[in-house]
Amino acid sequence: MFVILWQFEVKLGNQASFETAYGPEGPWAQLFRGDSAYRGTQLVRDSSHDYCYFTLDFWNSEIAYRAFLAAHRHTYDELDLSLQGLTHNEQHILSFELDPALLRL
C-alpha cells in the first residue's frame, strides 16, 4: 500500500471547516474515491498543537496514485486552490510503501 502524508497549519477559526474539507468524507476523499485504487484518507490532529493536522491518503500503489494525478490534475489543482484559505501552510512530508499486514496490528 502506498501512503502520502501531508502536514497542515490551519488558520485560527478554520478548524471545523478544515476538518470537513480534509476528512474522510470531504471533497478530497470524494475526488479520490472515483478511482478504484484509492483506499481511504485519515485526518489526525497533533495533540500538542491545536492547529496542526496531518492527512494520510492510502492507495494501492504509487503507480496507481501517479496515474490518478495525471488523469485528474486540473480538478486536483482547482480543489487545492479553492481550499487554500483554510491554512497558513501545507507541506508534503513524505510518501512511502506500507506493508498492509502492519495495518492489522
Protein backbone atom coordinates (compact mmCIF):
# COMPACT_ATOMS: atom_id res chain seq x y z
CA MET A 1 0.00 0.00 0.00
CA PHE A 2 1.21 3.50 -0.88
CA VAL A 3 0.70 6.30 1.68
CA ILE A 4 1.01 10.08 1.19
CA LEU A 5 1.48 12.16 4.36
CA TRP A 6 0.71 15.90 4.39
CA GLN A 7 1.02 18.40 7.24
CA PHE A 8 -1.24 21.47 7.52
CA GLU A 9 -1.15 24.54 9.74
CA VAL A 10 -4.79 25.64 9.91
CA LYS A 11 -5.75 29.30 10.29
CA LEU A 12 -7.38 30.27 13.59
CA GLY A 13 -11.14 29.75 13.42
CA ASN A 14 -10.98 27.41 10.41
CA GLN A 15 -10.56 24.11 12.22
CA ALA A 16 -14.14 22.87 11.70
CA SER A 17 -14.15 23.82 8.01
CA PHE A 18 -10.75 22.23 7.55
CA GLU A 19 -11.82 19.02 9.25
CA THR A 20 -14.87 18.83 6.99
CA ALA A 21 -12.87 19.52 3.81
CA TYR A 22 -9.92 17.24 4.55
CA GLY A 23 -11.66 14.47 6.47
CA PRO A 24 -12.61 11.05 5.11
CA GLU A 25 -15.94 12.32 3.69
CA GLY A 26 -14.69 15.69 2.42
CA PRO A 27 -14.17 16.84 -1.17
CA TRP A 28 -10.63 15.47 -1.36
CA ALA A 29 -11.77 11.98 -0.41
CA GLN A 30 -14.74 12.31 -2.76
CA LEU A 31 -12.42 13.18 -5.64
CA PHE A 32 -10.07 10.30 -4.83
CA ARG A 33 -12.95 7.86 -4.30
CA GLY A 34 -13.63 7.95 -8.03
CA ASP A 35 -10.55 5.78 -8.52
CA SER A 36 -10.69 2.09 -7.61
CA ALA A 37 -7.06 2.18 -6.38
CA TYR A 38 -7.90 4.68 -3.62
CA ARG A 39 -8.18 3.05 -0.20
CA GLY A 40 -9.10 5.94 2.10
CA THR A 41 -8.00 9.03 3.99
CA GLN A 42 -7.28 9.59 7.66
CA LEU A 43 -7.19 13.04 9.24
CA VAL A 44 -5.37 13.46 12.55
CA ARG A 45 -4.70 16.49 14.73
CA ASP A 46 -1.40 16.98 16.51
CA SER A 47 -2.29 16.66 20.20
CA SER A 48 0.39 19.18 21.15
CA HIS A 49 -0.69 21.87 18.65
CA ASP A 50 -4.40 22.57 18.09
CA TYR A 51 -3.86 23.99 14.61
CA CYS A 52 -1.57 21.33 13.19
CA TYR A 53 -3.16 18.47 11.25
CA PHE A 54 -1.94 15.57 9.14
CA THR A 55 -3.63 13.65 6.37
CA LEU A 56 -2.73 10.16 5.28
CA ASP A 57 -4.04 9.10 1.87
CA PHE A 58 -3.93 5.38 1.13
CA TRP A 59 -3.59 3.97 -2.41
CA ASN A 60 -2.96 0.50 -3.80
CA SER A 61 0.37 1.63 -5.26
CA GLU A 62 2.44 4.64 -6.18
CA ILE A 63 1.84 3.87 -9.86
CA ALA A 64 -1.94 4.00 -9.30
CA TYR A 65 -1.66 7.30 -7.41
CA ARG A 66 0.53 8.87 -10.12
CA ALA A 67 -1.92 7.70 -12.81
CA PHE A 68 -4.78 9.27 -10.88
CA LEU A 69 -2.89 12.58 -10.63
CA ALA A 70 -2.11 12.59 -14.33
CA ALA A 71 -5.75 11.95 -15.21
CA HIS A 72 -7.23 14.47 -12.74
CA ARG A 73 -4.57 17.17 -12.43
CA HIS A 74 -6.87 20.05 -13.37
CA THR A 75 -9.60 19.07 -10.90
CA TYR A 76 -6.98 18.40 -8.19
CA ASP A 77 -5.40 21.83 -8.68
CA GLU A 78 -8.80 23.60 -8.68
CA LEU A 79 -9.80 21.94 -5.42
CA ASP A 80 -6.45 22.76 -3.85
CA LEU A 81 -6.84 26.41 -4.84
CA SER A 82 -10.43 26.61 -3.55
CA LEU A 83 -9.38 25.39 -0.07
CA GLN A 84 -6.17 27.40 0.19
CA GLY A 85 -7.73 29.99 2.51
CA LEU A 86 -8.16 27.46 5.32
CA THR A 87 -4.44 27.09 6.03
CA HIS A 88 -1.29 29.11 6.64
CA ASN A 89 0.90 26.34 5.36
CA GLU A 90 0.70 22.90 3.83
CA GLN A 91 3.63 20.61 3.28
CA HIS A 92 4.11 17.19 1.78
CA ILE A 93 6.04 15.33 4.47
CA LEU A 94 6.68 12.01 2.78
CA SER A 95 5.27 9.22 0.68
CA PHE A 96 6.02 5.60 1.45
CA GLU A 97 5.11 1.99 0.86
CA LEU A 98 3.43 0.31 3.81
CA ASP A 99 3.11 -3.41 4.36
CA PRO A 100 -0.68 -3.98 4.62
CA ALA A 101 -0.04 -6.62 7.28
CA LEU A 102 1.08 -3.80 9.60
CA LEU A 103 -2.41 -2.30 9.43
CA ARG A 104 -3.77 -5.31 11.30
CA LEU A 105 -1.71 -4.69 14.45
